[in-house]
């Protein structure tokens, strides 16, 4: 891993991001899974429980499969969603659909899954999930984030008023984003996380990975200010 890089963006945000560059996407997934597993194990040892918030998108699926196969104290782990699309149960667009498919038949089936209840509609689901996050009673131990080609992370979409939400841990996008309204964790929750693990792969992410590394808060991803962040890249996205 490269030394931590103190980053300052266009505004006044300052945080440290550690970079880890692997040869390919599989290597990046394996490394991220190992780091998350270690953090969850340490949290259970220290506090008796651990929490992990998972993002959607294709990049983390391989990582999730590797992580869920690990023999961890899953009964003491709370699994949360970073974001979700408003779509029917079982819909392929739903992040939960893929998380549950990947968990099936693995040790991680023993974890406590807290799904965003989007069947209630975006706004009601956001209000409900605010209670779920607050009921944890502590910062989320590990938040796994991805990075969009447009610089978004979670469902913090460029130009959407959801970017400005600071008084709630969860909010709904005001307008559809790539075809659906979304429910997402907000910056205060991401910033409070004990560890943020970014998993970014593929050449299409190269520009935004560079802007994230440079501390560019002109993109939504660049506004995450968690104290400890690790950016796991493959060679294609690192450039």
C-alpha atoms as a PDB file:
ATOM      1  CA  UNK A   1       0.000   0.000   0.000  1.00  0.00           C
ATOM      2  CA  UNK A   2       1.205   3.469  -0.772  1.00  0.00           C
ATOM      3  CA  UNK A   3       1.621   5.867   2.158  1.00  0.00           C
ATOM      4  CA  UNK A   4      -1.422   7.880   3.123  1.00  0.00           C
ATOM      5  CA  UNK A   5      -1.874  10.947   0.958  1.00  0.00           C
ATOM      6  CA  UNK A   6      -3.162  14.120   2.649  1.00  0.00           C
ATOM      7  CA  UNK A   7      -5.612  15.538   0.138  1.00  0.00           C
ATOM      8  CA  UNK A   8      -7.184  18.968  -0.168  1.00  0.00           C
ATOM      9  CA  UNK A   9      -9.843  19.569  -2.792  1.00  0.00           C
ATOM     10  CA  UNK A  10     -11.208  22.750  -4.321  1.00  0.00           C
ATOM     11  CA  UNK A  11     -12.922  23.589  -1.048  1.00  0.00           C
ATOM     12  CA  UNK A  12     -11.694  23.217   2.494  1.00  0.00           C
ATOM     13  CA  UNK A  13     -12.109  19.448   2.841  1.00  0.00           C
ATOM     14  CA  UNK A  14      -9.067  17.546   4.029  1.00  0.00           C
ATOM     15  CA  UNK A  15      -8.744  13.815   4.583  1.00  0.00           C
ATOM     16  CA  UNK A  16      -6.286  10.981   4.079  1.00  0.00           C
ATOM     17  CA  UNK A  17      -6.732   8.334   1.392  1.00  0.00           C
ATOM     18  CA  UNK A  18      -4.483   5.290   1.199  1.00  0.00           C
ATOM     19  CA  UNK A  19      -4.103   3.812  -2.282  1.00  0.00           C
ATOM     20  CA  UNK A  20      -3.644   0.151  -3.133  1.00  0.00           C
ATOM     21  CA  UNK A  21      -3.152  -0.770  -6.801  1.00  0.00           C
ATOM     22  CA  UNK A  22      -3.543  -4.405  -7.859  1.00  0.00           C
ATOM     23  CA  UNK A  23      -2.810  -5.940 -11.240  1.00  0.00           C
ATOM     24  CA  UNK A  24      -6.404  -6.710 -12.185  1.00  0.00           C
ATOM     25  CA  UNK A  25      -9.995  -6.505 -11.004  1.00  0.00           C
ATOM     26  CA  UNK A  26      -9.899  -9.963  -9.400  1.00  0.00           C
ATOM     27  CA  UNK A  27      -6.842  -9.031  -7.389  1.00  0.00           C
ATOM     28  CA  UNK A  28      -8.476  -5.784  -6.282  1.00  0.00           C
ATOM     29  CA  UNK A  29     -11.616  -7.659  -5.200  1.00  0.00           C
ATOM     30  CA  UNK A  30      -9.573 -10.208  -3.247  1.00  0.00           C
ATOM     31  CA  UNK A  31      -7.555  -7.523  -1.478  1.00  0.00           C
ATOM     32  CA  UNK A  32     -10.644  -5.465  -0.585  1.00  0.00           C
ATOM     33  CA  UNK A  33     -12.432  -8.570   0.743  1.00  0.00           C
ATOM     34  CA  UNK A  34      -9.475  -9.353   2.979  1.00  0.00           C
ATOM     35  CA  UNK A  35      -9.302  -5.846   4.358  1.00  0.00           C
ATOM     36  CA  UNK A  36     -13.022  -5.699   5.081  1.00  0.00           C
ATOM     37  CA  UNK A  37     -12.948  -9.134   6.717  1.00  0.00           C
ATOM     38  CA  UNK A  38     -10.099  -8.069   9.001  1.00  0.00           C
ATOM     39  CA  UNK A  39     -11.901  -4.870   9.989  1.00  0.00           C
ATOM     40  CA  UNK A  40     -15.116  -6.749  10.795  1.00  0.00           C
ATOM     41  CA  UNK A  41     -13.243  -9.317  12.873  1.00  0.00           C
ATOM     42  CA  UNK A  42     -11.457  -6.584  14.802  1.00  0.00           C
ATOM     43  CA  UNK A  43     -14.731  -4.773  15.460  1.00  0.00           C
ATOM     44  CA  UNK A  44     -16.397  -7.907  16.832  1.00  0.00           C
ATOM     45  CA  UNK A  45     -13.395  -8.549  19.070  1.00  0.00           C
ATOM     46  CA  UNK A  46     -13.366  -4.967  20.340  1.00  0.00           C
ATOM     47  CA  UNK A  47     -17.075  -4.244  20.695  1.00  0.00           C
ATOM     48  CA  UNK A  48     -18.978  -7.508  20.318  1.00  0.00           C
ATOM     49  CA  UNK A  49     -20.655  -6.512  17.041  1.00  0.00           C
ATOM     50  CA  UNK A  50     -19.682  -5.168  13.635  1.00  0.00           C
ATOM     51  CA  UNK A  51     -21.498  -3.346  10.860  1.00  0.00           C
ATOM     52  CA  UNK A  52     -20.859  -3.256   7.127  1.00  0.00           C
ATOM     53  CA  UNK A  53     -22.638  -1.149   4.503  1.00  0.00           C
ATOM     54  CA  UNK A  54     -22.447  -2.507   0.948  1.00  0.00           C
ATOM     55  CA  UNK A  55     -22.785  -0.654  -2.345  1.00  0.00           C
ATOM     56  CA  UNK A  56     -24.287  -1.812  -5.610  1.00  0.00           C
ATOM     57  CA  UNK A  57     -22.849  -1.960  -9.109  1.00  0.00           C
ATOM     58  CA  UNK A  58     -20.872  -4.682 -10.836  1.00  0.00           C
ATOM     59  CA  UNK A  59     -17.449  -3.929  -9.380  1.00  0.00           C
ATOM     60  CA  UNK A  60     -18.164  -5.211  -5.840  1.00  0.00           C
ATOM     61  CA  UNK A  61     -19.933  -8.445  -6.760  1.00  0.00           C
ATOM     62  CA  UNK A  62     -16.755 -10.503  -6.992  1.00  0.00           C
ATOM     63  CA  UNK A  63     -15.525  -8.939  -3.763  1.00  0.00           C
ATOM     64  CA  UNK A  64     -18.772  -9.790  -1.982  1.00  0.00           C
ATOM     65  CA  UNK A  65     -18.569 -13.408  -3.110  1.00  0.00           C
ATOM     66  CA  UNK A  66     -15.051 -13.682  -1.690  1.00  0.00           C
ATOM     67  CA  UNK A  67     -16.026 -11.918   1.531  1.00  0.00           C
ATOM     68  CA  UNK A  68     -19.203 -13.908   2.167  1.00  0.00           C
ATOM     69  CA  UNK A  69     -17.302 -17.186   1.817  1.00  0.00           C
ATOM     70  CA  UNK A  70     -15.012 -16.288   4.715  1.00  0.00           C
ATOM     71  CA  UNK A  71     -15.480 -17.864   8.122  1.00  0.00           C
ATOM     72  CA  UNK A  72     -16.232 -14.750  10.159  1.00  0.00           C
ATOM     73  CA  UNK A  73     -18.436 -14.268  13.242  1.00  0.00           C
ATOM     74  CA  UNK A  74     -21.316 -13.389  10.939  1.00  0.00           C
ATOM     75  CA  UNK A  75     -24.011 -13.716  13.615  1.00  0.00           C
ATOM     76  CA  UNK A  76     -22.512 -10.593  15.185  1.00  0.00           C
ATOM     77  CA  UNK A  77     -22.477  -8.634  11.902  1.00  0.00           C
ATOM     78  CA  UNK A  78     -25.121  -6.161  10.753  1.00  0.00           C
ATOM     79  CA  UNK A  79     -25.240  -5.804   6.971  1.00  0.00           C
ATOM     80  CA  UNK A  80     -26.647  -2.562   5.614  1.00  0.00           C
ATOM     81  CA  UNK A  81     -27.136  -1.106   2.179  1.00  0.00           C
ATOM     82  CA  UNK A  82     -25.346   2.043   1.079  1.00  0.00           C
ATOM     83  CA  UNK A  83     -28.108   2.729  -1.445  1.00  0.00           C
ATOM     84  CA  UNK A  84     -30.954   1.137  -3.325  1.00  0.00           C
ATOM     85  CA  UNK A  85     -33.103   1.671  -6.407  1.00  0.00           C
ATOM     86  CA  UNK A  86     -36.856   1.922  -6.051  1.00  0.00           C
ATOM     87  CA  UNK A  87     -37.879  -1.222  -7.917  1.00  0.00           C
ATOM     88  CA  UNK A  88     -39.888  -4.376  -7.121  1.00  0.00           C
ATOM     89  CA  UNK A  89     -38.526  -7.128  -4.890  1.00  0.00           C
ATOM     90  CA  UNK A  90     -36.293  -9.481  -6.856  1.00  0.00           C
ATOM     91  CA  UNK A  91     -35.755  -6.965  -9.654  1.00  0.00           C
ATOM     92  CA  UNK A  92     -32.303  -7.265 -11.222  1.00  0.00           C
ATOM     93  CA  UNK A  93     -31.834  -3.525 -10.789  1.00  0.00           C
ATOM     94  CA  UNK A  94     -32.035  -3.892  -7.014  1.00  0.00           C
ATOM     95  CA  UNK A  95     -28.743  -4.053  -5.141  1.00  0.00           C
ATOM     96  CA  UNK A  96     -30.414  -6.288  -2.561  1.00  0.00           C
ATOM     97  CA  UNK A  97     -31.209  -8.887  -5.236  1.00  0.00           C
ATOM     98  CA  UNK A  98     -27.512  -9.409  -5.936  1.00  0.00           C
ATOM     99  CA  UNK A  99     -26.438  -9.237  -2.288  1.00  0.00           C
ATOM    100  CA  UNK A 100     -28.914 -11.964  -1.366  1.00  0.00           C
ATOM    101  CA  UNK A 101     -27.941 -14.123  -4.341  1.00  0.00           C
ATOM    102  CA  UNK A 102     -24.299 -13.869  -3.316  1.00  0.00           C
ATOM    103  CA  UNK A 103     -25.039 -14.574   0.359  1.00  0.00           C
ATOM    104  CA  UNK A 104     -27.120 -17.656  -0.353  1.00  0.00           C
ATOM    105  CA  UNK A 105     -25.416 -20.826   0.847  1.00  0.00           C
ATOM    106  CA  UNK A 106     -22.463 -18.979   2.384  1.00  0.00           C
ATOM    107  CA  UNK A 107     -21.442 -18.331   6.005  1.00  0.00           C
ATOM    108  CA  UNK A 108     -22.681 -14.756   5.555  1.00  0.00           C
ATOM    109  CA  UNK A 109     -26.284 -15.993   5.533  1.00  0.00           C
ATOM    110  CA  UNK A 110     -25.947 -15.848   9.327  1.00  0.00           C
ATOM    111  CA  UNK A 111     -25.470 -12.064   9.273  1.00  0.00           C
ATOM    112  CA  UNK A 112     -28.354  -9.747  10.087  1.00  0.00           C
ATOM    113  CA  UNK A 113     -29.413  -8.104   6.814  1.00  0.00           C
ATOM    114  CA  UNK A 114     -31.028  -4.667   7.077  1.00  0.00           C
ATOM    115  CA  UNK A 115     -32.611  -4.026   3.682  1.00  0.00           C
ATOM    116  CA  UNK A 116     -33.816  -0.611   2.558  1.00  0.00           C
ATOM    117  CA  UNK A 117     -37.625  -1.047   2.356  1.00  0.00           C
ATOM    118  CA  UNK A 118     -38.111   0.551  -1.039  1.00  0.00           C
ATOM    119  CA  UNK A 119     -41.488  -1.145  -1.497  1.00  0.00           C
ATOM    120  CA  UNK A 120     -42.765   1.683   0.713  1.00  0.00           C
ATOM    121  CA  UNK A 121     -41.667   4.255  -1.867  1.00  0.00           C
ATOM    122  CA  UNK A 122     -38.540   6.386  -1.875  1.00  0.00           C
ATOM    123  CA  UNK A 123     -39.436   8.963   0.759  1.00  0.00           C
ATOM    124  CA  UNK A 124     -41.048   6.536   3.197  1.00  0.00           C
ATOM    125  CA  UNK A 125     -38.160   4.100   2.762  1.00  0.00           C
ATOM    126  CA  UNK A 126     -35.656   6.845   3.549  1.00  0.00           C
ATOM    127  CA  UNK A 127     -37.512   7.767   6.746  1.00  0.00           C
ATOM    128  CA  UNK A 128     -37.709   4.131   7.802  1.00  0.00           C
ATOM    129  CA  UNK A 129     -34.032   3.470   7.126  1.00  0.00           C
ATOM    130  CA  UNK A 130     -33.046   6.540   9.139  1.00  0.00           C
ATOM    131  CA  UNK A 131     -34.366   4.647  12.161  1.00  0.00           C
ATOM    132  CA  UNK A 132     -32.432   1.519  11.190  1.00  0.00           C
ATOM    133  CA  UNK A 133     -29.141   3.411  10.962  1.00  0.00           C
ATOM    134  CA  UNK A 134     -29.742   5.340  14.183  1.00  0.00           C
ATOM    135  CA  UNK A 135     -30.678   2.148  16.029  1.00  0.00           C
ATOM    136  CA  UNK A 136     -27.160   0.814  15.452  1.00  0.00           C
ATOM    137  CA  UNK A 137     -26.054   3.222  18.151  1.00  0.00           C
ATOM    138  CA  UNK A 138     -22.549   3.594  16.734  1.00  0.00           C
ATOM    139  CA  UNK A 139     -20.776   4.651  13.530  1.00  0.00           C
ATOM    140  CA  UNK A 140     -20.765   2.040  10.773  1.00  0.00           C
ATOM    141  CA  UNK A 141     -17.547   0.054  11.047  1.00  0.00           C
ATOM    142  CA  UNK A 142     -16.947  -0.400   7.312  1.00  0.00           C
ATOM    143  CA  UNK A 143     -18.584   1.334   4.372  1.00  0.00           C
ATOM    144  CA  UNK A 144     -17.751  -0.072   0.944  1.00  0.00           C
ATOM    145  CA  UNK A 145     -18.121   2.481  -1.826  1.00  0.00           C
ATOM    146  CA  UNK A 146     -17.862   2.479  -5.589  1.00  0.00           C
ATOM    147  CA  UNK A 147     -17.199   5.286  -8.019  1.00  0.00           C
ATOM    148  CA  UNK A 148     -19.316   6.163 -11.051  1.00  0.00           C
ATOM    149  CA  UNK A 149     -18.054   7.404 -14.389  1.00  0.00           C
ATOM    150  CA  UNK A 150     -19.711  10.724 -13.514  1.00  0.00           C
ATOM    151  CA  UNK A 151     -18.065  10.932 -10.092  1.00  0.00           C
ATOM    152  CA  UNK A 152     -21.052   9.806  -8.045  1.00  0.00           C
ATOM    153  CA  UNK A 153     -20.781   7.440  -5.123  1.00  0.00           C
ATOM    154  CA  UNK A 154     -23.620   5.687  -3.306  1.00  0.00           C
ATOM    155  CA  UNK A 155     -26.636   7.382  -4.930  1.00  0.00           C
ATOM    156  CA  UNK A 156     -25.247  10.835  -4.285  1.00  0.00           C
ATOM    157  CA  UNK A 157     -25.926  11.971  -7.813  1.00  0.00           C
ATOM    158  CA  UNK A 158     -24.378  15.082  -9.358  1.00  0.00           C
ATOM    159  CA  UNK A 159     -26.734  18.041  -9.156  1.00  0.00           C
ATOM    160  CA  UNK A 160     -29.372  16.350  -6.996  1.00  0.00           C
ATOM    161  CA  UNK A 161     -30.480  18.146  -3.804  1.00  0.00           C
ATOM    162  CA  UNK A 162     -29.699  14.939  -1.883  1.00  0.00           C
ATOM    163  CA  UNK A 163     -26.069  16.125  -1.851  1.00  0.00           C
ATOM    164  CA  UNK A 164     -27.007  18.860   0.604  1.00  0.00           C
ATOM    165  CA  UNK A 165     -28.808  16.659   3.155  1.00  0.00           C
ATOM    166  CA  UNK A 166     -27.017  16.970   6.495  1.00  0.00           C
ATOM    167  CA  UNK A 167     -29.838  16.524   8.993  1.00  0.00           C
ATOM    168  CA  UNK A 168     -30.666  12.866   8.260  1.00  0.00           C
ATOM    169  CA  UNK A 169     -28.536   9.722   7.855  1.00  0.00           C
ATOM    170  CA  UNK A 170     -30.598   8.530   4.882  1.00  0.00           C
ATOM    171  CA  UNK A 171     -32.371  10.430   2.120  1.00  0.00           C
ATOM    172  CA  UNK A 172     -34.108   9.897  -1.225  1.00  0.00           C
ATOM    173  CA  UNK A 173     -32.989  11.427  -4.475  1.00  0.00           C
ATOM    174  CA  UNK A 174     -35.310  14.188  -5.622  1.00  0.00           C
ATOM    175  CA  UNK A 175     -35.450  12.986  -9.223  1.00  0.00           C
ATOM    176  CA  UNK A 176     -34.765   9.658 -10.978  1.00  0.00           C
ATOM    177  CA  UNK A 177     -31.110   8.793 -11.378  1.00  0.00           C
ATOM    178  CA  UNK A 178     -30.352   6.511 -14.350  1.00  0.00           C
ATOM    179  CA  UNK A 179     -34.003   5.583 -14.583  1.00  0.00           C
ATOM    180  CA  UNK A 180     -35.078   5.148 -10.961  1.00  0.00           C
ATOM    181  CA  UNK A 181     -35.371   7.141  -7.802  1.00  0.00           C
ATOM    182  CA  UNK A 182     -32.875   6.075  -5.170  1.00  0.00           C
ATOM    183  CA  UNK A 183     -32.504   5.900  -1.403  1.00  0.00           C
ATOM    184  CA  UNK A 184     -29.000   6.530  -0.107  1.00  0.00           C
ATOM    185  CA  UNK A 185     -26.874   7.020   2.953  1.00  0.00           C
ATOM    186  CA  UNK A 186     -25.892  10.666   3.253  1.00  0.00           C
ATOM    187  CA  UNK A 187     -22.531  12.338   3.813  1.00  0.00           C
ATOM    188  CA  UNK A 188     -22.781  12.560   7.629  1.00  0.00           C
ATOM    189  CA  UNK A 189     -23.032   8.747   7.875  1.00  0.00           C
ATOM    190  CA  UNK A 190     -20.263   8.134   5.328  1.00  0.00           C
ATOM    191  CA  UNK A 191     -18.013  10.688   7.034  1.00  0.00           C
ATOM    192  CA  UNK A 192     -18.539   9.085  10.455  1.00  0.00           C
ATOM    193  CA  UNK A 193     -17.632   5.557   9.263  1.00  0.00           C
ATOM    194  CA  UNK A 194     -14.638   4.010  10.977  1.00  0.00           C
ATOM    195  CA  UNK A 195     -13.320   2.767   7.614  1.00  0.00           C
ATOM    196  CA  UNK A 196     -14.310   3.519   4.020  1.00  0.00           C
ATOM    197  CA  UNK A 197     -13.103   1.051   1.396  1.00  0.00           C
ATOM    198  CA  UNK A 198     -13.391   2.262  -2.198  1.00  0.00           C
ATOM    199  CA  UNK A 199     -13.315  -0.506  -4.809  1.00  0.00           C
ATOM    200  CA  UNK A 200     -12.711   0.949  -8.266  1.00  0.00           C
ATOM    201  CA  UNK A 201     -11.891  -1.065 -11.372  1.00  0.00           C
ATOM    202  CA  UNK A 202     -11.805  -0.656 -15.147  1.00  0.00           C
ATOM    203  CA  UNK A 203     -10.441   1.957 -17.548  1.00  0.00           C
ATOM    204  CA  UNK A 204     -13.709   3.925 -17.612  1.00  0.00           C
ATOM    205  CA  UNK A 205     -13.082   4.899 -13.983  1.00  0.00           C
ATOM    206  CA  UNK A 206      -9.578   6.255 -14.573  1.00  0.00           C
ATOM    207  CA  UNK A 207     -10.462   9.942 -14.790  1.00  0.00           C
ATOM    208  CA  UNK A 208     -12.697   9.930 -11.732  1.00  0.00           C
ATOM    209  CA  UNK A 209     -10.241   7.806  -9.735  1.00  0.00           C
ATOM    210  CA  UNK A 210      -7.655  10.451 -10.450  1.00  0.00           C
ATOM    211  CA  UNK A 211      -9.980  13.229  -9.337  1.00  0.00           C
ATOM    212  CA  UNK A 212     -10.865  11.333  -6.169  1.00  0.00           C
ATOM    213  CA  UNK A 213      -7.187  10.757  -5.409  1.00  0.00           C
ATOM    214  CA  UNK A 214      -6.495  14.455  -5.985  1.00  0.00           C
ATOM    215  CA  UNK A 215      -9.146  15.437  -3.458  1.00  0.00           C
ATOM    216  CA  UNK A 216     -11.456  17.051  -5.995  1.00  0.00           C
ATOM    217  CA  UNK A 217     -14.625  17.928  -4.099  1.00  0.00           C
ATOM    218  CA  UNK A 218     -16.179  19.068  -7.367  1.00  0.00           C
ATOM    219  CA  UNK A 219     -17.422  15.475  -7.752  1.00  0.00           C
ATOM    220  CA  UNK A 220     -19.772  13.877  -5.198  1.00  0.00           C
ATOM    221  CA  UNK A 221     -17.271  11.126  -4.340  1.00  0.00           C
ATOM    222  CA  UNK A 222     -14.647  13.724  -3.510  1.00  0.00           C
ATOM    223  CA  UNK A 223     -16.802  15.145  -0.717  1.00  0.00           C
ATOM    224  CA  UNK A 224     -16.539  12.073   1.527  1.00  0.00           C
ATOM    225  CA  UNK A 225     -14.397  13.118   4.487  1.00  0.00           C
ATOM    226  CA  UNK A 226     -14.158   9.945   6.581  1.00  0.00           C
ATOM    227  CA  UNK A 227     -10.935   9.956   8.572  1.00  0.00           C
ATOM    228  CA  UNK A 228      -9.729   6.620   7.201  1.00  0.00           C
ATOM    229  CA  UNK A 229     -10.275   5.787   3.542  1.00  0.00           C
ATOM    230  CA  UNK A 230      -8.594   3.124   1.412  1.00  0.00           C
ATOM    231  CA  UNK A 231      -8.854   3.320  -2.381  1.00  0.00           C
ATOM    232  CA  UNK A 232      -8.416  -0.132  -3.936  1.00  0.00           C
ATOM    233  CA  UNK A 233      -7.747   0.064  -7.675  1.00  0.00           C
ATOM    234  CA  UNK A 234      -6.813  -2.247 -10.495  1.00  0.00           C
ATOM    235  CA  UNK A 235      -4.091  -1.182 -12.918  1.00  0.00           C
ATOM    236  CA  UNK A 236      -6.655  -0.138 -15.534  1.00  0.00           C
ATOM    237  CA  UNK A 237      -8.392   2.342 -13.253  1.00  0.00           C
ATOM    238  CA  UNK A 238      -5.166   3.592 -11.716  1.00  0.00           C
ATOM    239  CA  UNK A 239      -3.753   4.548 -15.132  1.00  0.00           C
END
